[in-house]
C-alpha atoms as a PDB file:
ATOM      1  CA  MET A   1       7.177   7.885  29.221  1.00  0.00           C
ATOM      2  CA  VAL A   2       5.910   6.535  25.469  1.00  0.00           C
ATOM      3  CA  ARG A   3       7.582   3.623  24.080  1.00  0.00           C
ATOM      4  CA  ARG A   4       6.638   1.180  21.130  1.00  0.00           C
ATOM      5  CA  ALA A   5       4.776  -1.434  22.780  1.00  0.00           C
ATOM      6  CA  THR A   6       5.996  -5.159  22.223  1.00  0.00           C
ATOM      7  CA  PRO A   7       3.644  -8.077  21.015  1.00  0.00           C
ATOM      8  CA  GLU A   8       4.354  -9.589  24.389  1.00  0.00           C
ATOM      9  CA  GLU A   9       2.041  -6.299  25.936  1.00  0.00           C
ATOM     10  CA  PHE A  10      -1.212  -6.830  23.766  1.00  0.00           C
ATOM     11  CA  ALA A  11      -3.228  -9.171  26.324  1.00  0.00           C
ATOM     12  CA  HIS A  12      -2.366  -6.449  29.135  1.00  0.00           C
ATOM     13  CA  LEU A  13      -3.145  -3.743  27.033  1.00  0.00           C
ATOM     14  CA  ARG A  14      -6.441  -5.014  25.497  1.00  0.00           C
ATOM     15  CA  TRP A  15      -7.164  -5.502  28.980  1.00  0.00           C
ATOM     16  CA  VAL A  16      -6.475  -1.656  29.441  1.00  0.00           C
ATOM     17  CA  GLU A  17      -8.745  -1.034  26.854  1.00  0.00           C
ATOM     18  CA  LEU A  18     -11.256  -3.358  28.300  1.00  0.00           C
ATOM     19  CA  GLU A  19     -10.898  -1.302  31.595  1.00  0.00           C
ATOM     20  CA  SER A  20     -10.741   1.966  29.730  1.00  0.00           C
ATOM     21  CA  ASP A  21     -14.272   0.952  27.711  1.00  0.00           C
ATOM     22  CA  LYS A  22     -16.112   0.596  30.962  1.00  0.00           C
ATOM     23  CA  LEU A  23     -16.308   4.646  31.313  1.00  0.00           C
ATOM     24  CA  MET A  24     -18.479   4.317  28.268  1.00  0.00           C
ATOM     25  CA  GLY A  25     -20.980   2.990  30.101  1.00  0.00           C
ATOM     26  CA  GLN A  26     -21.078   5.832  32.951  1.00  0.00           C
ATOM     27  CA  ALA A  27     -21.474   8.027  29.763  1.00  0.00           C
ATOM     28  CA  GLY A  28     -24.642   5.892  28.681  1.00  0.00           C
ATOM     29  CA  ILE A  29     -22.912   3.711  25.820  1.00  0.00           C
ATOM     30  CA  GLY A  30     -22.508   0.384  25.616  1.00  0.00           C
ATOM     31  CA  PRO A  31     -21.865  -2.526  25.621  1.00  0.00           C
ATOM     32  CA  LEU A  32     -19.653  -2.166  22.796  1.00  0.00           C
ATOM     33  CA  PRO A  33     -19.518  -4.494  20.448  1.00  0.00           C
ATOM     34  CA  GLU A  34     -17.389  -7.503  21.105  1.00  0.00           C
ATOM     35  CA  ASP A  35     -13.925  -7.688  19.058  1.00  0.00           C
ATOM     36  CA  ASP A  36     -10.486  -9.368  19.285  1.00  0.00           C
ATOM     37  CA  GLY A  37      -8.405  -6.082  20.389  1.00  0.00           C
ATOM     38  CA  GLU A  38      -5.416  -8.517  20.464  1.00  0.00           C
ATOM     39  CA  ASP A  39      -5.385  -9.603  16.922  1.00  0.00           C
ATOM     40  CA  ARG A  40      -6.183  -5.659  15.769  1.00  0.00           C
ATOM     41  CA  LEU A  41      -3.319  -5.064  17.618  1.00  0.00           C
ATOM     42  CA  ALA A  42      -1.304  -7.334  16.287  1.00  0.00           C
ATOM     43  CA  GLY A  43      -2.300  -5.924  12.807  1.00  0.00           C
ATOM     44  CA  ALA A  44      -1.710  -2.278  13.518  1.00  0.00           C
ATOM     45  CA  THR A  45       1.253  -0.326  11.928  1.00  0.00           C
ATOM     46  CA  VAL A  46       2.592   0.865  15.177  1.00  0.00           C
ATOM     47  CA  VAL A  47       1.627   1.059  18.610  1.00  0.00           C
ATOM     48  CA  PHE A  48       2.281   3.139  21.152  1.00  0.00           C
ATOM     49  CA  ALA A  49       2.784   2.734  24.865  1.00  0.00           C
ATOM     50  CA  SER A  50       2.593   4.900  27.862  1.00  0.00           C
ATOM     51  CA  GLY A  51       4.376   3.701  31.299  1.00  0.00           C
ATOM     52  CA  ASP A  52       5.695  -0.231  32.381  1.00  0.00           C
ATOM     53  CA  PRO A  53       3.212  -1.848  32.624  1.00  0.00           C
ATOM     54  CA  ALA A  54       1.368   0.487  30.340  1.00  0.00           C
ATOM     55  CA  VAL A  55      -1.557   2.321  31.712  1.00  0.00           C
ATOM     56  CA  GLY A  56      -2.261   3.418  28.210  1.00  0.00           C
ATOM     57  CA  PHE A  57      -1.975   3.277  24.710  1.00  0.00           C
ATOM     58  CA  VAL A  58      -2.589   4.549  21.266  1.00  0.00           C
ATOM     59  CA  SER A  59      -2.336   1.705  18.153  1.00  0.00           C
ATOM     60  CA  VAL A  60      -2.116   2.952  14.615  1.00  0.00           C
ATOM     61  CA  THR A  61      -2.877   1.161  11.065  1.00  0.00           C
ATOM     62  CA  LEU A  62      -1.798   3.275   7.587  1.00  0.00           C
ATOM     63  CA  VAL A  63      -5.543   4.056   5.762  1.00  0.00           C
ATOM     64  CA  ASP A  64      -5.855   6.084   2.490  1.00  0.00           C
ATOM     65  CA  ASP A  65      -3.239   8.657   2.751  1.00  0.00           C
ATOM     66  CA  GLY A  66      -2.785   8.625   6.459  1.00  0.00           C
ATOM     67  CA  ALA A  67      -2.784   7.173   9.884  1.00  0.00           C
ATOM     68  CA  HIS A  68      -5.707   5.925  11.264  1.00  0.00           C
ATOM     69  CA  VAL A  69      -5.942   5.541  15.312  1.00  0.00           C
ATOM     70  CA  ASP A  70      -7.680   2.350  16.246  1.00  0.00           C
ATOM     71  CA  GLN A  71      -7.505   2.768  19.579  1.00  0.00           C
ATOM     72  CA  LEU A  72      -6.626   5.310  22.432  1.00  0.00           C
ATOM     73  CA  SER A  73      -6.816   3.993  25.723  1.00  0.00           C
ATOM     74  CA  VAL A  74      -5.743   4.873  29.046  1.00  0.00           C
ATOM     75  CA  LEU A  75      -6.829   2.965  32.638  1.00  0.00           C
ATOM     76  CA  PRO A  76      -9.345   5.203  34.245  1.00  0.00           C
ATOM     77  CA  ALA A  77      -7.442   5.508  37.705  1.00  0.00           C
ATOM     78  CA  TYR A  78      -4.928   7.262  35.111  1.00  0.00           C
ATOM     79  CA  GLY A  79      -6.895   9.496  33.427  1.00  0.00           C
ATOM     80  CA  ARG A  80      -7.643  13.227  33.211  1.00  0.00           C
ATOM     81  CA  ARG A  81      -3.463  13.495  33.417  1.00  0.00           C
ATOM     82  CA  GLY A  82      -2.692  13.955  30.362  1.00  0.00           C
ATOM     83  CA  ILE A  83      -1.564  10.860  29.019  1.00  0.00           C
ATOM     84  CA  GLY A  84      -4.248  10.463  26.531  1.00  0.00           C
ATOM     85  CA  ARG A  85      -2.671  13.099  24.996  1.00  0.00           C
ATOM     86  CA  VAL A  86       0.645  12.222  25.125  1.00  0.00           C
ATOM     87  CA  LEU A  87      -0.131   9.347  22.961  1.00  0.00           C
ATOM     88  CA  LEU A  88      -2.108  11.068  20.539  1.00  0.00           C
ATOM     89  CA  ASP A  89       0.798  13.549  20.051  1.00  0.00           C
ATOM     90  CA  ARG A  90       3.338  10.636  19.823  1.00  0.00           C
ATOM     91  CA  ALA A  91       0.976   8.950  17.001  1.00  0.00           C
ATOM     92  CA  ILE A  92       0.683  12.311  15.368  1.00  0.00           C
ATOM     93  CA  GLY A  93       4.808  12.855  15.554  1.00  0.00           C
ATOM     94  CA  TRP A  94       4.823   9.334  14.311  1.00  0.00           C
ATOM     95  CA  ALA A  95       2.315  10.271  11.062  1.00  0.00           C
ATOM     96  CA  ARG A  96       4.735  13.266  10.725  1.00  0.00           C
ATOM     97  CA  ASP A  97       7.611  11.274  10.602  1.00  0.00           C
ATOM     98  CA  GLU A  98       6.418   9.083   8.222  1.00  0.00           C
ATOM     99  CA  GLY A  99       5.694  11.959   5.757  1.00  0.00           C
ATOM    100  CA  LEU A 100       2.105  10.868   6.199  1.00  0.00           C
ATOM    101  CA  ALA A 101      -0.752  13.506   4.723  1.00  0.00           C
ATOM    102  CA  GLY A 102      -2.777  13.024   8.173  1.00  0.00           C
ATOM    103  CA  VAL A 103      -4.369  11.238  11.403  1.00  0.00           C
ATOM    104  CA  THR A 104      -7.796   9.962  11.780  1.00  0.00           C
ATOM    105  CA  PRO A 105      -9.454   8.564  14.245  1.00  0.00           C
ATOM    106  CA  THR A 106     -13.827   7.459  14.454  1.00  0.00           C
ATOM    107  CA  THR A 107     -15.544   8.015  17.306  1.00  0.00           C
ATOM    108  CA  PHE A 108     -18.356   9.279  19.644  1.00  0.00           C
ATOM    109  CA  CYS A 109     -19.720  12.698  18.968  1.00  0.00           C
ATOM    110  CA  ASP A 110     -20.914  13.625  22.539  1.00  0.00           C
ATOM    111  CA  VAL A 111     -18.557  12.222  24.617  1.00  0.00           C
ATOM    112  CA  PRO A 112     -16.558  14.286  26.419  1.00  0.00           C
ATOM    113  CA  TRP A 113     -13.195  12.385  26.069  1.00  0.00           C
ATOM    114  CA  SER A 114     -14.318  11.216  22.464  1.00  0.00           C
ATOM    115  CA  ALA A 115     -14.799  13.942  19.629  1.00  0.00           C
ATOM    116  CA  PRO A 116     -14.459  16.690  22.257  1.00  0.00           C
ATOM    117  CA  PHE A 117     -11.309  15.634  23.175  1.00  0.00           C
ATOM    118  CA  TYR A 118      -9.779  15.768  19.709  1.00  0.00           C
ATOM    119  CA  ARG A 119     -11.084  18.932  18.260  1.00  0.00           C
ATOM    120  CA  THR A 120      -9.173  20.488  21.231  1.00  0.00           C
ATOM    121  CA  VAL A 121      -6.321  19.137  19.228  1.00  0.00           C
ATOM    122  CA  GLY A 122      -7.092  20.410  16.067  1.00  0.00           C
ATOM    123  CA  PHE A 123      -8.859  17.337  14.367  1.00  0.00           C
ATOM    124  CA  GLU A 124     -12.017  18.167  12.481  1.00  0.00           C
ATOM    125  CA  ALA A 125     -14.998  15.976  11.064  1.00  0.00           C
ATOM    126  CA  VAL A 126     -14.906  14.690   7.832  1.00  0.00           C
ATOM    127  CA  SER A 127     -17.960  14.963   5.638  1.00  0.00           C
ATOM    128  CA  HIS A 128     -16.379  13.381   2.854  1.00  0.00           C
ATOM    129  CA  PRO A 129     -13.984  10.197   3.630  1.00  0.00           C
ATOM    130  CA  ALA A 130     -11.550   9.221   1.621  1.00  0.00           C
ATOM    131  CA  ALA A 131     -12.363   5.046   0.378  1.00  0.00           C
ATOM    132  CA  GLY A 132     -10.253   3.424   3.408  1.00  0.00           C
ATOM    133  CA  LEU A 133     -12.321   5.974   6.508  1.00  0.00           C
ATOM    134  CA  ALA A 134     -14.854   5.224   4.579  1.00  0.00           C
ATOM    135  CA  ALA A 135     -14.934   1.197   4.701  1.00  0.00           C
ATOM    136  CA  ILE A 136     -14.046   1.802   8.762  1.00  0.00           C
ATOM    137  CA  ARG A 137     -17.289   4.098   8.956  1.00  0.00           C
ATOM    138  CA  ALA A 138     -19.670   1.319   7.455  1.00  0.00           C
ATOM    139  CA  TYR A 139     -17.605  -1.461   9.143  1.00  0.00           C
ATOM    140  CA  GLU A 140     -18.773   0.132  12.308  1.00  0.00           C
ATOM    141  CA  ARG A 141     -22.373   0.785  11.106  1.00  0.00           C
ATOM    142  CA  ALA A 142     -22.622  -2.681  10.580  1.00  0.00           C
ATOM    143  CA  SER A 143     -21.376  -3.812  13.828  1.00  0.00           C
ATOM    144  CA  GLY A 144     -23.421  -1.751  15.584  1.00  0.00           C
ATOM    145  CA  HIS A 145     -21.488   0.843  16.965  1.00  0.00           C
ATOM    146  CA  ASP A 146     -23.428   3.509  15.530  1.00  0.00           C
ATOM    147  CA  ALA A 147     -26.341   2.090  17.449  1.00  0.00           C
ATOM    148  CA  LEU A 148     -25.175   2.818  20.545  1.00  0.00           C
ATOM    149  CA  GLY A 149     -24.752   7.155  19.768  1.00  0.00           C
ATOM    150  CA  PRO A 150     -23.861   9.589  17.105  1.00  0.00           C
ATOM    151  CA  ARG A 151     -20.207   8.970  15.767  1.00  0.00           C
ATOM    152  CA  VAL A 152     -17.641  11.144  13.768  1.00  0.00           C
ATOM    153  CA  ALA A 153     -14.946   9.942  11.332  1.00  0.00           C
ATOM    154  CA  MET A 154     -12.466  13.402  12.457  1.00  0.00           C
ATOM    155  CA  ARG A 155      -9.179  13.875  10.560  1.00  0.00           C
ATOM    156  CA  LEU A 156      -6.336  16.234  11.753  1.00  0.00           C
ATOM    157  CA  VAL A 157      -4.022  17.424   8.548  1.00  0.00           C
ATOM    158  CA  CYS A 158       0.129  16.810   9.445  1.00  0.00           C
END
């Protein structure tokens, strides 16, 4: 069951994200730079959650002419069950319903559940990102994300 998350859940969703981030350590990436995830969730255009209480979520903001996946997280105990794909499909469907041009994430190139996962859905690397996506990549570089491993901006045309 995928549904819109409520602001009252954001602390729980942040916990889901932090638990999910522990998998990055197993992939040799981390620790990830600190941020205020609850504020990021509050600033999202839409947040979809799976389960009640949520075991996964996707947060999306409007960037350039499309929807940007700020975060896609699933509790490790619920991994490899297709929850992440269902959440991503919901975000893509939302973007199409809104008449947006595409969906973009930025992610690690070599982590199996990152760029390789997005490729299975049809996302492609972006060579020349538009201004908003370029600004996200610049922020990631400045905040230390790129020091943890190669990253890529990707796009799926709606």
